PDB file of N, CA and C in Angstrom:
ATOM      1  N   MET A   1     -42.309  31.684 -18.403  1.00  0.00           N
ATOM      2  CA  MET A   1     -42.750  30.810 -17.326  1.00  0.00           C
ATOM      3  C   MET A   1     -41.351  30.570 -16.899  1.00  0.00           C
ATOM      4  N   LYS A   2     -41.332  30.198 -15.467  1.00  0.00           N
ATOM      5  CA  LYS A   2     -39.964  30.221 -14.856  1.00  0.00           C
ATOM      6  C   LYS A   2     -39.929  28.516 -14.893  1.00  0.00           C
ATOM      7  N   LYS A   3     -38.659  28.266 -14.545  1.00  0.00           N
ATOM      8  CA  LYS A   3     -38.256  26.858 -14.833  1.00  0.00           C
ATOM      9  C   LYS A   3     -38.612  26.662 -13.347  1.00  0.00           C
ATOM     10  N   PRO A   4     -39.418  25.193 -13.119  1.00  0.00           N
ATOM     11  CA  PRO A   4     -39.192  24.386 -11.691  1.00  0.00           C
ATOM     12  C   PRO A   4     -38.174  24.328 -10.928  1.00  0.00           C
ATOM     13  N   ARG A   5     -37.586  24.761  -9.791  1.00  0.00           N
ATOM     14  CA  ARG A   5     -36.517  24.554  -9.156  1.00  0.00           C
ATOM     15  C   ARG A   5     -36.471  23.099  -8.747  1.00  0.00           C
ATOM     16  N   SER A   6     -34.926  22.691  -8.492  1.00  0.00           N
ATOM     17  CA  SER A   6     -34.956  20.984  -8.236  1.00  0.00           C
ATOM     18  C   SER A   6     -33.386  21.049  -7.512  1.00  0.00           C
ATOM     19  N   ALA A   7     -33.582  19.918  -6.192  1.00  0.00           N
ATOM     20  CA  ALA A   7     -33.079  19.801  -5.407  1.00  0.00           C
ATOM     21  C   ALA A   7     -31.991  19.271  -5.961  1.00  0.00           C
ATOM     22  N   LEU A   8     -31.829  18.273  -7.299  1.00  0.00           N
ATOM     23  CA  LEU A   8     -30.659  17.746  -7.678  1.00  0.00           C
ATOM     24  C   LEU A   8     -29.941  18.736  -8.491  1.00  0.00           C
ATOM     25  N   LYS A   9     -28.583  18.787  -8.166  1.00  0.00           N
ATOM     26  CA  LYS A   9     -27.892  19.385  -8.770  1.00  0.00           C
ATOM     27  C   LYS A   9     -27.403  19.005  -9.820  1.00  0.00           C
ATOM     28  N   THR A  10     -26.215  19.763 -11.156  1.00  0.00           N
ATOM     29  CA  THR A  10     -25.320  19.238 -11.693  1.00  0.00           C
ATOM     30  C   THR A  10     -24.370  20.248 -11.630  1.00  0.00           C
ATOM     31  N   ASP A  11     -23.235  19.571 -11.013  1.00  0.00           N
ATOM     32  CA  ASP A  11     -21.932  20.256 -10.149  1.00  0.00           C
ATOM     33  C   ASP A  11     -20.612  20.034 -10.532  1.00  0.00           C
ATOM     34  N   LEU A  12     -19.800  20.720 -11.240  1.00  0.00           N
ATOM     35  CA  LEU A  12     -18.592  19.998 -11.721  1.00  0.00           C
ATOM     36  C   LEU A  12     -17.872  19.299 -10.737  1.00  0.00           C
ATOM     37  N   PHE A  13     -18.113  19.873  -9.171  1.00  0.00           N
ATOM     38  CA  PHE A  13     -17.302  19.446  -8.291  1.00  0.00           C
ATOM     39  C   PHE A  13     -18.503  18.329  -7.011  1.00  0.00           C
ATOM     40  N   ALA A  14     -19.213  17.409  -8.087  1.00  0.00           N
ATOM     41  CA  ALA A  14     -20.404  16.929  -7.323  1.00  0.00           C
ATOM     42  C   ALA A  14     -19.752  15.432  -6.840  1.00  0.00           C
ATOM     43  N   ALA A  15     -18.236  15.210  -7.460  1.00  0.00           N
ATOM     44  CA  ALA A  15     -17.784  13.634  -6.917  1.00  0.00           C
ATOM     45  C   ALA A  15     -16.925  14.428  -5.803  1.00  0.00           C
ATOM     46  N   ASP A  16     -16.764  15.115  -5.870  1.00  0.00           N
ATOM     47  CA  ASP A  16     -15.710  15.433  -4.706  1.00  0.00           C
ATOM     48  C   ASP A  16     -16.472  15.384  -3.464  1.00  0.00           C
ATOM     49  N   GLN A  17     -17.476  16.431  -3.484  1.00  0.00           N
ATOM     50  CA  GLN A  17     -18.286  16.561  -2.455  1.00  0.00           C
ATOM     51  C   GLN A  17     -19.249  14.993  -1.774  1.00  0.00           C
ATOM     52  N   HIS A  18     -19.110  14.555  -2.659  1.00  0.00           N
ATOM     53  CA  HIS A  18     -20.097  13.065  -2.453  1.00  0.00           C
ATOM     54  C   HIS A  18     -19.202  12.437  -1.652  1.00  0.00           C
ATOM     55  N   ARG A  19     -17.691  12.102  -2.235  1.00  0.00           N
ATOM     56  CA  ARG A  19     -16.967  11.735  -1.301  1.00  0.00           C
ATOM     57  C   ARG A  19     -16.658  12.306  -0.275  1.00  0.00           C
ATOM     58  N   GLU A  20     -16.658  13.284  -0.026  1.00  0.00           N
ATOM     59  CA  GLU A  20     -16.484  13.957   1.459  1.00  0.00           C
ATOM     60  C   GLU A  20     -17.355  14.016   2.265  1.00  0.00           C
ATOM     61  N   LYS A  21     -18.418  13.909   1.711  1.00  0.00           N
ATOM     62  CA  LYS A  21     -20.159  13.421   2.506  1.00  0.00           C
ATOM     63  C   LYS A  21     -19.468  12.174   2.925  1.00  0.00           C
ATOM     64  N   ILE A  22     -19.535  10.925   2.372  1.00  0.00           N
ATOM     65  CA  ILE A  22     -19.465   9.920   2.650  1.00  0.00           C
ATOM     66  C   ILE A  22     -18.342   9.553   3.963  1.00  0.00           C
ATOM     67  N   ASP A  23     -17.056  10.154   3.834  1.00  0.00           N
ATOM     68  CA  ASP A  23     -15.769  10.637   4.876  1.00  0.00           C
ATOM     69  C   ASP A  23     -16.251  11.234   6.049  1.00  0.00           C
ATOM     70  N   ARG A  24     -17.196  11.950   5.681  1.00  0.00           N
ATOM     71  CA  ARG A  24     -17.901  12.798   6.729  1.00  0.00           C
ATOM     72  C   ARG A  24     -18.735  11.931   7.814  1.00  0.00           C
ATOM     73  N   LEU A  25     -19.786  11.006   7.087  1.00  0.00           N
ATOM     74  CA  LEU A  25     -20.798  10.053   7.566  1.00  0.00           C
ATOM     75  C   LEU A  25     -19.712   8.987   7.858  1.00  0.00           C
ATOM     76  N   GLY A  26     -18.427   8.801   7.469  1.00  0.00           N
ATOM     77  CA  GLY A  26     -18.020   7.870   8.076  1.00  0.00           C
ATOM     78  C   GLY A  26     -18.503   6.159   7.170  1.00  0.00           C
ATOM     79  N   ASP A  27     -17.740   5.880   6.120  1.00  0.00           N
ATOM     80  CA  ASP A  27     -17.487   5.097   5.477  1.00  0.00           C
ATOM     81  C   ASP A  27     -16.699   3.810   6.192  1.00  0.00           C
ATOM     82  N   PRO A  28     -17.807   2.834   6.199  1.00  0.00           N
ATOM     83  CA  PRO A  28     -17.280   1.458   6.896  1.00  0.00           C
ATOM     84  C   PRO A  28     -16.387   0.523   6.742  1.00  0.00           C
ATOM     85  N   LEU A  29     -15.941   0.683   4.960  1.00  0.00           N
ATOM     86  CA  LEU A  29     -14.995   0.606   4.142  1.00  0.00           C
ATOM     87  C   LEU A  29     -13.778   1.258   4.287  1.00  0.00           C
ATOM     88  N   ALA A  30     -13.882   2.492   4.736  1.00  0.00           N
ATOM     89  CA  ALA A  30     -12.589   3.149   4.937  1.00  0.00           C
ATOM     90  C   ALA A  30     -12.020   2.134   5.887  1.00  0.00           C
ATOM     91  N   GLU A  31     -12.673   2.443   7.137  1.00  0.00           N
ATOM     92  CA  GLU A  31     -12.251   1.810   7.963  1.00  0.00           C
ATOM     93  C   GLU A  31     -11.300   0.464   8.615  1.00  0.00           C
ATOM     94  N   ILE A  32     -11.818  -0.383   7.314  1.00  0.00           N
ATOM     95  CA  ILE A  32     -10.961  -1.380   7.354  1.00  0.00           C
ATOM     96  C   ILE A  32      -9.599  -1.101   7.013  1.00  0.00           C
ATOM     97  N   ASN A  33      -9.074  -0.277   6.255  1.00  0.00           N
ATOM     98  CA  ASN A  33      -7.353   0.032   6.474  1.00  0.00           C
ATOM     99  C   ASN A  33      -6.797   0.533   7.720  1.00  0.00           C
ATOM    100  N   LEU A  34      -7.823   0.692   8.665  1.00  0.00           N
ATOM    101  CA  LEU A  34      -7.714   1.113   9.729  1.00  0.00           C
ATOM    102  C   LEU A  34      -6.898  -0.088  10.631  1.00  0.00           C
ATOM    103  N   HIS A  35      -8.030  -1.738  10.247  1.00  0.00           N
ATOM    104  CA  HIS A  35      -7.376  -2.373  11.112  1.00  0.00           C
ATOM    105  C   HIS A  35      -7.042  -4.185  10.498  1.00  0.00           C
ATOM    106  N   ILE A  36      -6.756  -3.496   9.102  1.00  0.00           N
ATOM    107  CA  ILE A  36      -6.144  -5.258   8.602  1.00  0.00           C
ATOM    108  C   ILE A  36      -4.722  -3.903   7.659  1.00  0.00           C
ATOM    109  N   ASP A  37      -3.766  -4.413   7.806  1.00  0.00           N
ATOM    110  CA  ASP A  37      -2.212  -4.439   7.223  1.00  0.00           C
ATOM    111  C   ASP A  37      -2.715  -5.080   5.867  1.00  0.00           C
ATOM    112  N   PHE A  38      -2.883  -4.857   4.732  1.00  0.00           N
ATOM    113  CA  PHE A  38      -3.486  -5.753   3.567  1.00  0.00           C
ATOM    114  C   PHE A  38      -1.690  -5.847   3.002  1.00  0.00           C
ATOM    115  N   SER A  39      -0.734  -5.222   3.342  1.00  0.00           N
ATOM    116  CA  SER A  39       0.551  -5.299   2.740  1.00  0.00           C
ATOM    117  C   SER A  39       1.434  -6.547   3.176  1.00  0.00           C
ATOM    118  N   ALA A  40       1.068  -6.509   4.287  1.00  0.00           N
ATOM    119  CA  ALA A  40       1.665  -7.298   4.827  1.00  0.00           C
ATOM    120  C   ALA A  40       0.854  -8.986   5.419  1.00  0.00           C
ATOM    121  N   LEU A  41      -0.532  -8.630   5.190  1.00  0.00           N
ATOM    122  CA  LEU A  41      -1.127 -10.156   4.971  1.00  0.00           C
ATOM    123  C   LEU A  41      -1.036 -10.337   3.553  1.00  0.00           C
ATOM    124  N   ALA A  42      -0.518  -9.702   2.549  1.00  0.00           N
ATOM    125  CA  ALA A  42      -0.671  -9.838   1.073  1.00  0.00           C
ATOM    126  C   ALA A  42       0.844 -10.675   1.066  1.00  0.00           C
ATOM    127  N   ALA A  43       1.430 -10.142   1.972  1.00  0.00           N
ATOM    128  CA  ALA A  43       3.252 -10.691   2.248  1.00  0.00           C
ATOM    129  C   ALA A  43       3.096 -12.043   2.228  1.00  0.00           C
ATOM    130  N   ALA A  44       2.263 -12.228   3.465  1.00  0.00           N
ATOM    131  CA  ALA A  44       2.196 -13.234   3.846  1.00  0.00           C
ATOM    132  C   ALA A  44       1.542 -14.734   3.055  1.00  0.00           C
ATOM    133  N   VAL A  45       0.211 -13.973   2.227  1.00  0.00           N
ATOM    134  CA  VAL A  45      -0.239 -14.790   1.592  1.00  0.00           C
ATOM    135  C   VAL A  45       1.057 -15.422   0.442  1.00  0.00           C
ATOM    136  N   ASP A  46       2.091 -14.332  -0.327  1.00  0.00           N
ATOM    137  CA  ASP A  46       2.710 -14.862  -1.443  1.00  0.00           C
ATOM    138  C   ASP A  46       3.573 -15.693  -0.584  1.00  0.00           C
ATOM    139  N   GLN A  47       3.913 -15.727   0.345  1.00  0.00           N
ATOM    140  CA  GLN A  47       4.831 -16.375   0.960  1.00  0.00           C
ATOM    141  C   GLN A  47       4.722 -17.898   1.208  1.00  0.00           C
ATOM    142  N   VAL A  48       3.185 -17.737   1.567  1.00  0.00           N
ATOM    143  CA  VAL A  48       2.278 -19.420   1.370  1.00  0.00           C
ATOM    144  C   VAL A  48       2.037 -19.809   0.288  1.00  0.00           C
ATOM    145  N   ALA A  49       1.881 -19.022  -0.432  1.00  0.00           N
ATOM    146  CA  ALA A  49       1.438 -19.766  -2.043  1.00  0.00           C
ATOM    147  C   ALA A  49       1.749 -18.565  -3.327  1.00  0.00           C
ATOM    148  N   PRO A  50       3.336 -18.756  -3.414  1.00  0.00           N
ATOM    149  CA  PRO A  50       3.730 -17.866  -4.371  1.00  0.00           C
ATOM    150  C   PRO A  50       3.042 -18.236  -5.580  1.00  0.00           C
ATOM    151  N   ARG A  51       3.010 -17.112  -6.350  1.00  0.00           N
ATOM    152  CA  ARG A  51       2.266 -17.067  -7.843  1.00  0.00           C
ATOM    153  C   ARG A  51       3.353 -17.668  -9.101  1.00  0.00           C
ATOM    154  N   PRO A  52       3.075 -18.152  -9.762  1.00  0.00           N
ATOM    155  CA  PRO A  52       4.268 -18.880 -10.904  1.00  0.00           C
ATOM    156  C   PRO A  52       4.221 -17.712 -11.553  1.00  0.00           C
ATOM    157  N   VAL A  53       5.555 -17.866 -12.020  1.00  0.00           N
ATOM    158  CA  VAL A  53       5.921 -16.498 -13.245  1.00  0.00           C
ATOM    159  C   VAL A  53       5.949 -17.065 -14.596  1.00  0.00           C
ATOM    160  N   SER A  54       4.815 -16.676 -15.308  1.00  0.00           N
ATOM    161  CA  SER A  54       4.483 -17.270 -16.679  1.00  0.00           C
ATOM    162  C   SER A  54       5.074 -16.276 -17.642  1.00  0.00           C
ATOM    163  N   SER A  55       6.282 -16.968 -18.641  1.00  0.00           N
ATOM    164  CA  SER A  55       7.232 -16.490 -19.759  1.00  0.00           C
ATOM    165  C   SER A  55       6.642 -16.436 -21.055  1.00  0.00           C
ATOM    166  N   GLN A  56       4.536 -17.273 -20.875  1.00  0.00           N
ATOM    167  CA  GLN A  56       4.051 -17.028 -21.827  1.00  0.00           C
ATOM    168  C   GLN A  56       3.446 -16.086 -22.531  1.00  0.00           C
ATOM    169  N   GLY A  57       3.594 -14.651 -21.802  1.00  0.00           N
ATOM    170  CA  GLY A  57       2.463 -13.665 -22.286  1.00  0.00           C
ATOM    171  C   GLY A  57       1.092 -13.944 -21.596  1.00  0.00           C
ATOM    172  N   GLY A  58       0.647 -12.971 -22.072  1.00  0.00           N
ATOM    173  CA  GLY A  58      -0.830 -13.221 -21.596  1.00  0.00           C
ATOM    174  C   GLY A  58      -1.068 -12.070 -20.669  1.00  0.00           C
ATOM    175  N   ARG A  59      -2.181 -11.809 -20.255  1.00  0.00           N
ATOM    176  CA  ARG A  59      -3.016 -10.504 -18.960  1.00  0.00           C
ATOM    177  C   ARG A  59      -1.836 -11.000 -17.851  1.00  0.00           C
ATOM    178  N   PRO A  60      -1.503  -9.901 -17.411  1.00  0.00           N
ATOM    179  CA  PRO A  60      -0.823 -10.239 -15.828  1.00  0.00           C
ATOM    180  C   PRO A  60      -1.563  -9.965 -14.874  1.00  0.00           C
ATOM    181  N   PRO A  61      -1.108 -10.635 -13.690  1.00  0.00           N
ATOM    182  CA  PRO A  61      -2.308 -11.006 -12.632  1.00  0.00           C
ATOM    183  C   PRO A  61      -2.575 -10.236 -11.596  1.00  0.00           C
ATOM    184  N   PHE A  62      -3.162  -9.275 -11.263  1.00  0.00           N
ATOM    185  CA  PHE A  62      -3.628  -8.341 -10.558  1.00  0.00           C
ATOM    186  C   PHE A  62      -2.937  -8.630  -9.326  1.00  0.00           C
ATOM    187  N   PRO A  63      -2.221  -7.561  -8.387  1.00  0.00           N
ATOM    188  CA  PRO A  63      -1.204  -7.645  -7.800  1.00  0.00           C
ATOM    189  C   PRO A  63      -2.087  -8.661  -6.341  1.00  0.00           C
ATOM    190  N   THR A  64      -1.283  -9.386  -5.709  1.00  0.00           N
ATOM    191  CA  THR A  64      -1.914  -9.872  -4.560  1.00  0.00           C
ATOM    192  C   THR A  64      -2.287  -9.226  -3.272  1.00  0.00           C
ATOM    193  N   GLU A  65      -1.704  -7.936  -3.249  1.00  0.00           N
ATOM    194  CA  GLU A  65      -2.946  -7.360  -2.054  1.00  0.00           C
ATOM    195  C   GLU A  65      -4.028  -6.888  -2.882  1.00  0.00           C
ATOM    196  N   THR A  66      -4.469  -6.793  -3.989  1.00  0.00           N
ATOM    197  CA  THR A  66      -5.695  -6.473  -4.621  1.00  0.00           C
ATOM    198  C   THR A  66      -6.608  -7.456  -4.211  1.00  0.00           C
ATOM    199  N   MET A  67      -6.027  -8.541  -4.818  1.00  0.00           N
ATOM    200  CA  MET A  67      -6.793  -9.469  -4.741  1.00  0.00           C
ATOM    201  C   MET A  67      -7.391 -10.200  -3.244  1.00  0.00           C
ATOM    202  N   VAL A  68      -6.624  -9.956  -2.262  1.00  0.00           N
ATOM    203  CA  VAL A  68      -6.577 -10.092  -0.534  1.00  0.00           C
ATOM    204  C   VAL A  68      -7.942  -8.801  -0.211  1.00  0.00           C
ATOM    205  N   ARG A  69      -7.960  -7.413  -0.850  1.00  0.00           N
ATOM    206  CA  ARG A  69      -8.158  -6.517  -0.741  1.00  0.00           C
ATOM    207  C   ARG A  69     -10.099  -7.404  -1.037  1.00  0.00           C
ATOM    208  N   ILE A  70     -10.136  -7.811  -2.642  1.00  0.00           N
ATOM    209  CA  ILE A  70     -11.425  -8.366  -2.505  1.00  0.00           C
ATOM    210  C   ILE A  70     -12.184  -9.339  -2.091  1.00  0.00           C
ATOM    211  N   LEU A  71     -10.767 -10.266  -1.630  1.00  0.00           N
ATOM    212  CA  LEU A  71     -11.343 -11.492  -1.161  1.00  0.00           C
ATOM    213  C   LEU A  71     -11.567 -11.086   0.526  1.00  0.00           C
ATOM    214  N   VAL A  72     -11.243 -10.072   0.900  1.00  0.00           N
ATOM    215  CA  VAL A  72     -12.047  -9.423   2.049  1.00  0.00           C
ATOM    216  C   VAL A  72     -13.170  -9.365   1.940  1.00  0.00           C
ATOM    217  N   LEU A  73     -13.167  -8.255   1.139  1.00  0.00           N
ATOM    218  CA  LEU A  73     -14.920  -7.650   0.815  1.00  0.00           C
ATOM    219  C   LEU A  73     -15.589  -8.398   0.826  1.00  0.00           C
ATOM    220  N   LYS A  74     -15.357  -9.977  -0.109  1.00  0.00           N
ATOM    221  CA  LYS A  74     -16.590 -10.685  -0.601  1.00  0.00           C
ATOM    222  C   LYS A  74     -16.640 -11.217   0.742  1.00  0.00           C
ATOM    223  N   ARG A  75     -15.926 -11.772   2.012  1.00  0.00           N
ATOM    224  CA  ARG A  75     -16.057 -12.662   2.819  1.00  0.00           C
ATOM    225  C   ARG A  75     -16.947 -11.595   3.791  1.00  0.00           C
ATOM    226  N   LEU A  76     -16.872 -10.474   4.251  1.00  0.00           N
ATOM    227  CA  LEU A  76     -17.248  -9.539   5.136  1.00  0.00           C
ATOM    228  C   LEU A  76     -18.842  -9.397   4.721  1.00  0.00           C
ATOM    229  N   TYR A  77     -18.724  -9.586   3.245  1.00  0.00           N
ATOM    230  CA  TYR A  77     -20.516  -9.256   2.847  1.00  0.00           C
ATOM    231  C   TYR A  77     -21.092 -10.060   2.333  1.00  0.00           C
ATOM    232  N   ASN A  78     -20.691 -11.423   2.302  1.00  0.00           N
ATOM    233  CA  ASN A  78     -21.035 -12.632   1.606  1.00  0.00           C
ATOM    234  C   ASN A  78     -21.698 -12.370   0.496  1.00  0.00           C
ATOM    235  N   LEU A  79     -20.762 -11.987  -0.736  1.00  0.00           N
ATOM    236  CA  LEU A  79     -20.892 -11.709  -2.336  1.00  0.00           C
ATOM    237  C   LEU A  79     -20.361 -12.888  -2.675  1.00  0.00           C
ATOM    238  N   SER A  80     -21.082 -13.251  -3.723  1.00  0.00           N
ATOM    239  CA  SER A  80     -20.419 -14.019  -4.799  1.00  0.00           C
ATOM    240  C   SER A  80     -19.477 -13.680  -6.110  1.00  0.00           C
ATOM    241  N   ASP A  81     -18.875 -13.875  -6.673  1.00  0.00           N
ATOM    242  CA  ASP A  81     -18.174 -13.106  -7.830  1.00  0.00           C
ATOM    243  C   ASP A  81     -18.449 -12.247  -8.498  1.00  0.00           C
ATOM    244  N   GLU A  82     -19.655 -12.938  -8.779  1.00  0.00           N
ATOM    245  CA  GLU A  82     -20.832 -11.743 -10.097  1.00  0.00           C
ATOM    246  C   GLU A  82     -20.950 -10.388  -8.955  1.00  0.00           C
ATOM    247  N   GLN A  83     -21.493 -10.523  -7.689  1.00  0.00           N
ATOM    248  CA  GLN A  83     -22.295  -9.535  -7.137  1.00  0.00           C
ATOM    249  C   GLN A  83     -20.688  -8.675  -6.717  1.00  0.00           C
ATOM    250  N   MET A  84     -19.592  -8.813  -6.112  1.00  0.00           N
ATOM    251  CA  MET A  84     -17.996  -8.734  -6.163  1.00  0.00           C
ATOM    252  C   MET A  84     -17.644  -7.555  -7.851  1.00  0.00           C
ATOM    253  N   GLU A  85     -17.907  -8.480  -8.442  1.00  0.00           N
ATOM    254  CA  GLU A  85     -17.876  -7.501 -10.026  1.00  0.00           C
ATOM    255  C   GLU A  85     -18.653  -6.388 -10.080  1.00  0.00           C
ATOM    256  N   TYR A  86     -20.076  -6.625  -9.333  1.00  0.00           N
ATOM    257  CA  TYR A  86     -21.144  -5.347  -9.708  1.00  0.00           C
ATOM    258  C   TYR A  86     -20.728  -4.578  -8.638  1.00  0.00           C
ATOM    259  N   GLN A  87     -20.341  -4.748  -7.488  1.00  0.00           N
ATOM    260  CA  GLN A  87     -20.369  -3.866  -6.941  1.00  0.00           C
ATOM    261  C   GLN A  87     -18.862  -2.699  -6.460  1.00  0.00           C
ATOM    262  N   LEU A  88     -17.694  -3.187  -7.229  1.00  0.00           N
ATOM    263  CA  LEU A  88     -16.596  -2.649  -7.747  1.00  0.00           C
ATOM    264  C   LEU A  88     -17.097  -1.808  -8.525  1.00  0.00           C
ATOM    265  N   LEU A  89     -17.690  -1.937  -9.791  1.00  0.00           N
ATOM    266  CA  LEU A  89     -18.144  -1.110 -10.829  1.00  0.00           C
ATOM    267  C   LEU A  89     -19.089  -0.340 -10.659  1.00  0.00           C
ATOM    268  N   ASP A  90     -19.804  -0.554  -9.258  1.00  0.00           N
ATOM    269  CA  ASP A  90     -20.756   0.574  -9.268  1.00  0.00           C
ATOM    270  C   ASP A  90     -20.847   1.728  -7.512  1.00  0.00           C
ATOM    271  N   ARG A  91     -19.822   0.595  -7.074  1.00  0.00           N
ATOM    272  CA  ARG A  91     -19.865   1.601  -5.578  1.00  0.00           C
ATOM    273  C   ARG A  91     -18.785   2.371  -5.397  1.00  0.00           C
ATOM    274  N   MET A  92     -18.020   3.596  -5.345  1.00  0.00           N
ATOM    275  CA  MET A  92     -17.124   3.875  -5.287  1.00  0.00           C
ATOM    276  C   MET A  92     -16.215   3.544  -3.638  1.00  0.00           C
ATOM    277  N   SER A  93     -17.614   3.373  -2.910  1.00  0.00           N
ATOM    278  CA  SER A  93     -16.621   3.175  -1.576  1.00  0.00           C
ATOM    279  C   SER A  93     -15.953   1.787  -1.784  1.00  0.00           C
ATOM    280  N   TYR A  94     -16.931   1.185  -2.644  1.00  0.00           N
ATOM    281  CA  TYR A  94     -15.810  -0.371  -2.649  1.00  0.00           C
ATOM    282  C   TYR A  94     -14.685  -0.072  -3.346  1.00  0.00           C
ATOM    283  N   GLN A  95     -14.984   1.003  -4.212  1.00  0.00           N
ATOM    284  CA  GLN A  95     -13.703   1.460  -5.131  1.00  0.00           C
ATOM    285  C   GLN A  95     -12.311   1.805  -4.366  1.00  0.00           C
ATOM    286  N   ARG A  96     -12.617   2.288  -3.588  1.00  0.00           N
ATOM    287  CA  ARG A  96     -11.692   2.977  -2.640  1.00  0.00           C
ATOM    288  C   ARG A  96     -11.135   1.828  -1.732  1.00  0.00           C
ATOM    289  N   ALA A  97     -11.945   1.103  -1.399  1.00  0.00           N
ATOM    290  CA  ALA A  97     -11.010  -0.082  -0.477  1.00  0.00           C
ATOM    291  C   ALA A  97     -10.693  -1.168  -1.358  1.00  0.00           C
ATOM    292  N   TYR A  98     -11.092  -1.044  -2.449  1.00  0.00           N
ATOM    293  CA  TYR A  98     -10.211  -2.093  -3.389  1.00  0.00           C
ATOM    294  C   TYR A  98      -9.166  -1.902  -3.705  1.00  0.00           C
ATOM    295  N   SER A  99      -8.735  -0.523  -3.981  1.00  0.00           N
ATOM    296  CA  SER A  99      -7.466   0.203  -4.013  1.00  0.00           C
ATOM    297  C   SER A  99      -6.384   0.417  -3.654  1.00  0.00           C
ATOM    298  N   GLY A 100      -7.134   1.043  -2.392  1.00  0.00           N
ATOM    299  CA  GLY A 100      -6.862   1.246  -0.718  1.00  0.00           C
ATOM    300  C   GLY A 100      -6.118   2.983  -1.073  1.00  0.00           C
ATOM    301  N   GLU A 101      -6.564   3.339  -2.124  1.00  0.00           N
ATOM    302  CA  GLU A 101      -6.628   5.141  -3.113  1.00  0.00           C
ATOM    303  C   GLU A 101      -7.651   5.407  -2.754  1.00  0.00           C
ATOM    304  N   ASP A 102      -7.837   6.891  -2.730  1.00  0.00           N
ATOM    305  CA  ASP A 102      -8.848   7.572  -3.089  1.00  0.00           C
ATOM    306  C   ASP A 102      -9.546   7.591  -4.667  1.00  0.00           C
ATOM    307  N   GLU A 103      -8.283   7.839  -5.303  1.00  0.00           N
ATOM    308  CA  GLU A 103      -8.505   7.832  -7.162  1.00  0.00           C
ATOM    309  C   GLU A 103      -7.976   6.685  -7.376  1.00  0.00           C
ATOM    310  N   HIS A 104      -8.271   5.785  -8.125  1.00  0.00           N
ATOM    311  CA  HIS A 104      -8.659   4.754  -8.557  1.00  0.00           C
ATOM    312  C   HIS A 104      -8.668   4.129  -9.593  1.00  0.00           C
ATOM    313  N   ARG A 105      -8.301   4.260 -10.846  1.00  0.00           N
ATOM    314  CA  ARG A 105      -9.288   3.338 -12.091  1.00  0.00           C
ATOM    315  C   ARG A 105      -8.752   2.170 -12.388  1.00  0.00           C
ATOM    316  N   PHE A 106      -9.630   1.032 -12.579  1.00  0.00           N
ATOM    317  CA  PHE A 106      -9.519  -0.301 -12.637  1.00  0.00           C
ATOM    318  C   PHE A 106     -10.603  -0.781 -13.799  1.00  0.00           C
ATOM    319  N   ARG A 107      -9.704  -2.124 -14.333  1.00  0.00           N
ATOM    320  CA  ARG A 107     -10.939  -2.970 -14.749  1.00  0.00           C
ATOM    321  C   ARG A 107     -11.060  -4.148 -14.142  1.00  0.00           C
ATOM    322  N   THR A 108     -11.844  -4.724 -13.667  1.00  0.00           N
ATOM    323  CA  THR A 108     -12.135  -5.841 -13.532  1.00  0.00           C
ATOM    324  C   THR A 108     -13.295  -6.788 -14.000  1.00  0.00           C
ATOM    325  N   ASN A 109     -12.735  -8.100 -14.055  1.00  0.00           N
ATOM    326  CA  ASN A 109     -14.385  -8.684 -14.531  1.00  0.00           C
ATOM    327  C   ASN A 109     -14.359 -10.366 -13.438  1.00  0.00           C
ATOM    328  N   VAL A 110     -15.734 -10.785 -13.506  1.00  0.00           N
ATOM    329  CA  VAL A 110     -15.755 -12.117 -12.522  1.00  0.00           C
ATOM    330  C   VAL A 110     -14.362 -12.848 -13.285  1.00  0.00           C
ATOM    331  N   ASN A 111     -13.757 -13.629 -14.234  1.00  0.00           N
ATOM    332  CA  ASN A 111     -13.178 -14.429 -14.618  1.00  0.00           C
ATOM    333  C   ASN A 111     -11.900 -14.604 -14.402  1.00  0.00           C
ATOM    334  N   THR A 112     -11.661 -12.858 -13.298  1.00  0.00           N
ATOM    335  CA  THR A 112     -10.068 -12.928 -13.034  1.00  0.00           C
ATOM    336  C   THR A 112      -9.777 -13.846 -11.637  1.00  0.00           C
TER     337      THR A 112
END
């Protein structure tokens, strides 16, 4: 008996093909980088509200640019801290917008 055919495919390059298709369709989150200079915005934030340096150890803070990216996404899509954390963990387009790069592995949590 023949195995039934399926439109679902398992492919070694599925993630790359998925990313390319998102790019072709026009990822609105990727457009953000064309309109907002996050590094300049982060520098302005650091100038207005510098982060204290702690010599006591502990987990180092996320870079200011990363936090600015998260805040922009939160405000743009009206997300709570919990929903922002979920979107960052779940959606590749949010991960790309969060990191400003195509490939970036990160760990985040709502308590940060």
